[in-house]
Amino acid sequence: MSWLALEAAQAAMLQAGARGYLEGAETFRRLREAQFVAIVTPSVKHITMELARGG
């Protein structure tokens, strides 16, 4: 799920162009949030392994 957030945020940044990287821009905030989600979310591979183990 986190990769979907990253892809959406990156697509928004491409649409916004250079102004999307300005500190106050909404697209910049969304990119930071998507990156945070990707950092704190366990990987899909790890979750799949845990589910396969029954834990």
C-alpha atoms as a PDB file:
ATOM      1  CA  MET A   1       0.000   0.000   0.000  1.00  0.00           C
ATOM      2  CA  SER A   2       2.838   2.392   0.758  1.00  0.00           C
ATOM      3  CA  TRP A   3       4.151   2.071  -2.791  1.00  0.00           C
ATOM      4  CA  LEU A   4       0.796   3.318  -4.099  1.00  0.00           C
ATOM      5  CA  ALA A   5       1.096   6.433  -1.946  1.00  0.00           C
ATOM      6  CA  LEU A   6       4.623   7.008  -3.235  1.00  0.00           C
ATOM      7  CA  GLU A   7       3.585   6.571  -6.861  1.00  0.00           C
ATOM      8  CA  ALA A   8       0.648   8.950  -6.447  1.00  0.00           C
ATOM      9  CA  ALA A   9       2.793  11.567  -4.715  1.00  0.00           C
ATOM     10  CA  GLN A  10       5.491  11.305  -7.370  1.00  0.00           C
ATOM     11  CA  ALA A  11       2.893  11.658 -10.134  1.00  0.00           C
ATOM     12  CA  ALA A  12       1.537  14.769  -8.413  1.00  0.00           C
ATOM     13  CA  MET A  13       5.052  16.193  -8.201  1.00  0.00           C
ATOM     14  CA  LEU A  14       5.547  15.641 -11.929  1.00  0.00           C
ATOM     15  CA  GLN A  15       2.238  17.397 -12.634  1.00  0.00           C
ATOM     16  CA  ALA A  16       3.113  20.347 -10.389  1.00  0.00           C
ATOM     17  CA  GLY A  17       6.558  20.825 -11.866  1.00  0.00           C
ATOM     18  CA  ALA A  18       9.176  22.923 -10.085  1.00  0.00           C
ATOM     19  CA  ARG A  19       6.647  24.742  -7.901  1.00  0.00           C
ATOM     20  CA  GLY A  20       5.672  21.376  -6.408  1.00  0.00           C
ATOM     21  CA  TYR A  21       9.014  21.312  -4.626  1.00  0.00           C
ATOM     22  CA  LEU A  22       8.447  24.605  -2.815  1.00  0.00           C
ATOM     23  CA  GLU A  23       8.328  24.076   0.932  1.00  0.00           C
ATOM     24  CA  GLY A  24       4.760  25.341   1.336  1.00  0.00           C
ATOM     25  CA  ALA A  25       3.356  23.406  -1.622  1.00  0.00           C
ATOM     26  CA  GLU A  26       0.671  20.783  -0.979  1.00  0.00           C
ATOM     27  CA  THR A  27       2.401  18.359  -3.331  1.00  0.00           C
ATOM     28  CA  PHE A  28       5.631  18.670  -1.329  1.00  0.00           C
ATOM     29  CA  ARG A  29       3.718  17.864   1.873  1.00  0.00           C
ATOM     30  CA  ARG A  30       2.102  14.832   0.234  1.00  0.00           C
ATOM     31  CA  LEU A  31       5.479  13.595  -0.961  1.00  0.00           C
ATOM     32  CA  ARG A  32       6.941  13.891   2.549  1.00  0.00           C
ATOM     33  CA  GLU A  33       3.945  12.057   4.017  1.00  0.00           C
ATOM     34  CA  ALA A  34       4.180   9.279   1.421  1.00  0.00           C
ATOM     35  CA  GLN A  35       7.893   8.886   2.131  1.00  0.00           C
ATOM     36  CA  PHE A  36       7.164   8.693   5.857  1.00  0.00           C
ATOM     37  CA  VAL A  37       4.547   5.986   5.286  1.00  0.00           C
ATOM     38  CA  ALA A  38       7.038   4.011   3.187  1.00  0.00           C
ATOM     39  CA  ILE A  39       9.655   4.256   5.938  1.00  0.00           C
ATOM     40  CA  VAL A  40       7.434   3.175   8.834  1.00  0.00           C
ATOM     41  CA  THR A  41       5.391   0.546   6.997  1.00  0.00           C
ATOM     42  CA  PRO A  42       6.775  -2.988   6.977  1.00  0.00           C
ATOM     43  CA  SER A  43       7.573  -4.292   3.543  1.00  0.00           C
ATOM     44  CA  VAL A  44       5.007  -6.348   1.670  1.00  0.00           C
ATOM     45  CA  LYS A  45       7.489  -9.224   1.567  1.00  0.00           C
ATOM     46  CA  HIS A  46       7.827  -9.190   5.362  1.00  0.00           C
ATOM     47  CA  ILE A  47       4.055  -9.144   5.875  1.00  0.00           C
ATOM     48  CA  THR A  48       3.602 -12.022   3.417  1.00  0.00           C
ATOM     49  CA  MET A  49       6.240 -14.081   5.231  1.00  0.00           C
ATOM     50  CA  GLU A  50       4.616 -13.415   8.615  1.00  0.00           C
ATOM     51  CA  LEU A  51       1.193 -14.425   7.312  1.00  0.00           C
ATOM     52  CA  ALA A  52       2.632 -17.595   5.783  1.00  0.00           C
ATOM     53  CA  ARG A  53       4.195 -18.479   9.141  1.00  0.00           C
ATOM     54  CA  GLY A  54       0.845 -18.008  10.825  1.00  0.00           C
ATOM     55  CA  GLY A  55       1.976 -15.070  12.906  1.00  0.00           C
END
